[in-house]
PDB file of N, CA and C in Angstrom:
ATOM      1  N   MET A   1      10.604  17.246  -2.163  1.00  0.00           N
ATOM      2  CA  MET A   1       9.996  16.033  -3.413  1.00  0.00           C
ATOM      3  C   MET A   1       9.853  16.922  -4.896  1.00  0.00           C
ATOM      4  N   ASP A   2      10.474  16.173  -5.761  1.00  0.00           N
ATOM      5  CA  ASP A   2      10.764  17.002  -7.453  1.00  0.00           C
ATOM      6  C   ASP A   2       9.854  16.081  -8.127  1.00  0.00           C
ATOM      7  N   ILE A   3       8.812  16.681  -8.445  1.00  0.00           N
ATOM      8  CA  ILE A   3       7.902  16.339  -9.498  1.00  0.00           C
ATOM      9  C   ILE A   3       8.234  16.949 -11.079  1.00  0.00           C
ATOM     10  N   GLN A   4       8.721  15.787 -12.095  1.00  0.00           N
ATOM     11  CA  GLN A   4       9.101  16.286 -12.695  1.00  0.00           C
ATOM     12  C   GLN A   4       8.238  15.667 -14.155  1.00  0.00           C
ATOM     13  N   ILE A   5       7.572  16.250 -15.167  1.00  0.00           N
ATOM     14  CA  ILE A   5       7.169  15.608 -15.894  1.00  0.00           C
ATOM     15  C   ILE A   5       8.097  15.681 -17.163  1.00  0.00           C
ATOM     16  N   ILE A   6       8.072  14.381 -17.655  1.00  0.00           N
ATOM     17  CA  ILE A   6       9.003  13.399 -18.600  1.00  0.00           C
ATOM     18  C   ILE A   6       8.247  13.699 -19.949  1.00  0.00           C
ATOM     19  N   GLU A   7       7.530  13.597 -20.488  1.00  0.00           N
ATOM     20  CA  GLU A   7       6.812  13.662 -21.405  1.00  0.00           C
ATOM     21  C   GLU A   7       5.169  14.027 -21.808  1.00  0.00           C
ATOM     22  N   HIS A   8       4.774  14.919 -22.759  1.00  0.00           N
ATOM     23  CA  HIS A   8       3.418  15.032 -22.214  1.00  0.00           C
ATOM     24  C   HIS A   8       2.740  14.954 -23.814  1.00  0.00           C
ATOM     25  N   ILE A   9       2.171  13.829 -24.159  1.00  0.00           N
ATOM     26  CA  ILE A   9       1.829  13.669 -25.625  1.00  0.00           C
ATOM     27  C   ILE A   9       0.108  13.558 -25.159  1.00  0.00           C
ATOM     28  N   LYS A  10      -0.585  13.889 -26.416  1.00  0.00           N
ATOM     29  CA  LYS A  10      -1.918  13.831 -26.081  1.00  0.00           C
ATOM     30  C   LYS A  10      -2.886  12.946 -25.036  1.00  0.00           C
ATOM     31  N   GLU A  11      -2.505  11.712 -25.691  1.00  0.00           N
ATOM     32  CA  GLU A  11      -2.531  10.100 -25.273  1.00  0.00           C
ATOM     33  C   GLU A  11      -2.015  10.067 -24.013  1.00  0.00           C
ATOM     34  N   LYS A  12      -0.569  10.155 -23.673  1.00  0.00           N
ATOM     35  CA  LYS A  12       0.092  10.075 -22.367  1.00  0.00           C
ATOM     36  C   LYS A  12       0.523  11.396 -21.596  1.00  0.00           C
ATOM     37  N   LEU A  13       0.586  11.283 -20.128  1.00  0.00           N
ATOM     38  CA  LEU A  13       1.281  12.199 -19.824  1.00  0.00           C
ATOM     39  C   LEU A  13       2.337  11.283 -18.557  1.00  0.00           C
ATOM     40  N   GLN A  14       3.316  11.205 -18.880  1.00  0.00           N
ATOM     41  CA  GLN A  14       4.522  10.696 -18.088  1.00  0.00           C
ATOM     42  C   GLN A  14       5.120  11.441 -16.991  1.00  0.00           C
ATOM     43  N   VAL A  15       4.814  11.102 -15.530  1.00  0.00           N
ATOM     44  CA  VAL A  15       5.365  12.288 -14.678  1.00  0.00           C
ATOM     45  C   VAL A  15       6.013  11.112 -13.838  1.00  0.00           C
ATOM     46  N   VAL A  16       7.398  11.521 -13.035  1.00  0.00           N
ATOM     47  CA  VAL A  16       8.266  11.057 -12.636  1.00  0.00           C
ATOM     48  C   VAL A  16       8.450  11.709 -11.020  1.00  0.00           C
ATOM     49  N   ILE A  17       7.986  11.028 -10.273  1.00  0.00           N
ATOM     50  CA  ILE A  17       8.129  11.531  -8.673  1.00  0.00           C
ATOM     51  C   ILE A  17       9.561  10.908  -8.108  1.00  0.00           C
ATOM     52  N   ASN A  18      10.410  12.306  -8.044  1.00  0.00           N
ATOM     53  CA  ASN A  18      11.621  11.697  -7.044  1.00  0.00           C
ATOM     54  C   ASN A  18      11.449  11.967  -5.995  1.00  0.00           C
ATOM     55  N   CYS A  19      11.583  11.007  -4.930  1.00  0.00           N
ATOM     56  CA  CYS A  19      11.413  11.648  -3.641  1.00  0.00           C
ATOM     57  C   CYS A  19      12.352  10.666  -2.463  1.00  0.00           C
ATOM     58  N   ARG A  20      12.616  11.232  -1.461  1.00  0.00           N
ATOM     59  CA  ARG A  20      13.588  10.132  -0.721  1.00  0.00           C
ATOM     60  C   ARG A  20      12.782   9.655   0.197  1.00  0.00           C
ATOM     61  N   GLN A  21      11.253   9.860   0.660  1.00  0.00           N
ATOM     62  CA  GLN A  21      10.446   9.014   1.329  1.00  0.00           C
ATOM     63  C   GLN A  21       9.464   8.931   0.771  1.00  0.00           C
ATOM     64  N   ILE A  22       8.455   7.549   0.758  1.00  0.00           N
ATOM     65  CA  ILE A  22       7.219   7.028   0.298  1.00  0.00           C
ATOM     66  C   ILE A  22       6.898   7.063   1.632  1.00  0.00           C
ATOM     67  N   ASP A  23       5.726   8.337   1.294  1.00  0.00           N
ATOM     68  CA  ASP A  23       4.670   8.288   3.020  1.00  0.00           C
ATOM     69  C   ASP A  23       3.466   7.899   2.399  1.00  0.00           C
ATOM     70  N   ASP A  24       2.409   8.099   3.080  1.00  0.00           N
ATOM     71  CA  ASP A  24       1.039   8.546   2.856  1.00  0.00           C
ATOM     72  C   ASP A  24       0.659   9.230   1.801  1.00  0.00           C
ATOM     73  N   GLU A  25       1.315  10.226   1.927  1.00  0.00           N
ATOM     74  CA  GLU A  25       0.933  11.303   1.043  1.00  0.00           C
ATOM     75  C   GLU A  25       1.412  10.956  -0.627  1.00  0.00           C
ATOM     76  N   ILE A  26       2.459  10.517  -0.701  1.00  0.00           N
ATOM     77  CA  ILE A  26       2.838  10.308  -2.180  1.00  0.00           C
ATOM     78  C   ILE A  26       2.168   9.078  -2.159  1.00  0.00           C
ATOM     79  N   MET A  27       1.809   7.673  -1.663  1.00  0.00           N
ATOM     80  CA  MET A  27       0.946   6.893  -2.012  1.00  0.00           C
ATOM     81  C   MET A  27      -0.444   7.730  -2.128  1.00  0.00           C
ATOM     82  N   ARG A  28      -1.232   8.340  -1.578  1.00  0.00           N
ATOM     83  CA  ARG A  28      -2.396   8.749  -2.244  1.00  0.00           C
ATOM     84  C   ARG A  28      -2.189   9.665  -3.460  1.00  0.00           C
ATOM     85  N   LEU A  29      -0.897  10.331  -3.204  1.00  0.00           N
ATOM     86  CA  LEU A  29      -0.983  11.211  -4.808  1.00  0.00           C
ATOM     87  C   LEU A  29      -0.927  10.437  -6.107  1.00  0.00           C
ATOM     88  N   LYS A  30      -0.126   9.091  -5.778  1.00  0.00           N
ATOM     89  CA  LYS A  30       0.134   8.420  -6.629  1.00  0.00           C
ATOM     90  C   LYS A  30      -1.533   7.250  -7.399  1.00  0.00           C
ATOM     91  N   TYR A  31      -2.198   7.284  -6.163  1.00  0.00           N
ATOM     92  CA  TYR A  31      -3.494   6.929  -6.453  1.00  0.00           C
ATOM     93  C   TYR A  31      -4.518   7.824  -7.072  1.00  0.00           C
ATOM     94  N   HIS A  32      -4.366   8.906  -6.621  1.00  0.00           N
ATOM     95  CA  HIS A  32      -5.195  10.005  -7.361  1.00  0.00           C
ATOM     96  C   HIS A  32      -5.069   9.997  -8.854  1.00  0.00           C
ATOM     97  N   ILE A  33      -3.491   9.890  -9.191  1.00  0.00           N
ATOM     98  CA  ILE A  33      -2.994  10.134 -10.636  1.00  0.00           C
ATOM     99  C   ILE A  33      -3.477   8.650 -11.391  1.00  0.00           C
ATOM    100  N   GLU A  34      -3.274   7.634 -10.417  1.00  0.00           N
ATOM    101  CA  GLU A  34      -3.698   6.068 -11.638  1.00  0.00           C
ATOM    102  C   GLU A  34      -5.504   6.388 -11.499  1.00  0.00           C
ATOM    103  N   MET A  35      -6.188   7.150 -10.697  1.00  0.00           N
ATOM    104  CA  MET A  35      -7.783   7.356 -11.037  1.00  0.00           C
ATOM    105  C   MET A  35      -7.986   8.020 -11.997  1.00  0.00           C
ATOM    106  N   PHE A  36      -7.462   8.904 -12.190  1.00  0.00           N
ATOM    107  CA  PHE A  36      -7.365  10.030 -13.025  1.00  0.00           C
ATOM    108  C   PHE A  36      -7.215   9.560 -14.499  1.00  0.00           C
ATOM    109  N   ASP A  37      -5.727   8.623 -14.505  1.00  0.00           N
ATOM    110  CA  ASP A  37      -5.900   8.049 -15.831  1.00  0.00           C
ATOM    111  C   ASP A  37      -6.742   6.833 -16.218  1.00  0.00           C
ATOM    112  N   LYS A  38      -7.512   6.174 -15.507  1.00  0.00           N
ATOM    113  CA  LYS A  38      -8.505   5.132 -15.464  1.00  0.00           C
ATOM    114  C   LYS A  38      -9.426   5.958 -15.875  1.00  0.00           C
ATOM    115  N   LYS A  39     -10.026   7.000 -15.306  1.00  0.00           N
ATOM    116  CA  LYS A  39     -10.985   7.458 -16.030  1.00  0.00           C
ATOM    117  C   LYS A  39     -10.963   8.387 -17.349  1.00  0.00           C
ATOM    118  N   LEU A  40      -9.867   8.572 -17.342  1.00  0.00           N
ATOM    119  CA  LEU A  40      -9.584   9.410 -19.118  1.00  0.00           C
ATOM    120  C   LEU A  40      -9.385   7.812 -19.996  1.00  0.00           C
ATOM    121  N   GLN A  41      -9.139   6.999 -19.685  1.00  0.00           N
ATOM    122  CA  GLN A  41      -9.076   5.559 -20.511  1.00  0.00           C
ATOM    123  C   GLN A  41     -10.661   5.493 -20.863  1.00  0.00           C
ATOM    124  N   ALA A  42     -11.205   5.209 -20.125  1.00  0.00           N
ATOM    125  CA  ALA A  42     -12.897   4.959 -19.751  1.00  0.00           C
ATOM    126  C   ALA A  42     -13.724   6.058 -20.651  1.00  0.00           C
ATOM    127  N   LYS A  43     -13.006   6.966 -20.663  1.00  0.00           N
ATOM    128  CA  LYS A  43     -13.856   8.354 -21.151  1.00  0.00           C
ATOM    129  C   LYS A  43     -13.509   7.941 -23.019  1.00  0.00           C
ATOM    130  N   LYS A  44     -12.081   7.862 -23.366  1.00  0.00           N
ATOM    131  CA  LYS A  44     -11.811   7.753 -24.507  1.00  0.00           C
ATOM    132  C   LYS A  44     -12.085   6.063 -24.941  1.00  0.00           C
ATOM    133  N   ASP A  45     -12.304   5.410 -24.231  1.00  0.00           N
ATOM    134  CA  ASP A  45     -12.950   3.893 -24.654  1.00  0.00           C
ATOM    135  C   ASP A  45     -14.236   4.024 -25.078  1.00  0.00           C
ATOM    136  N   LYS A  46     -15.075   4.903 -24.533  1.00  0.00           N
ATOM    137  CA  LYS A  46     -16.668   5.162 -25.254  1.00  0.00           C
ATOM    138  C   LYS A  46     -16.933   6.199 -26.086  1.00  0.00           C
ATOM    139  N   GLU A  47     -15.298   6.713 -27.122  1.00  0.00           N
ATOM    140  CA  GLU A  47     -15.882   7.369 -28.084  1.00  0.00           C
ATOM    141  C   GLU A  47     -16.000   6.827 -29.255  1.00  0.00           C
TER     142      GLU A  47
END
């Protein structure tokens, strides 16, 4: 599995994950990244 960070700006981190097969581990990683992103957005919205 290759994880590649394409662009990293203060507001946004874009990550591309290239993998030959999507398994539970990949889906869990994707879920955690999305949850982290939502928490960051919520924190930003409060300010």
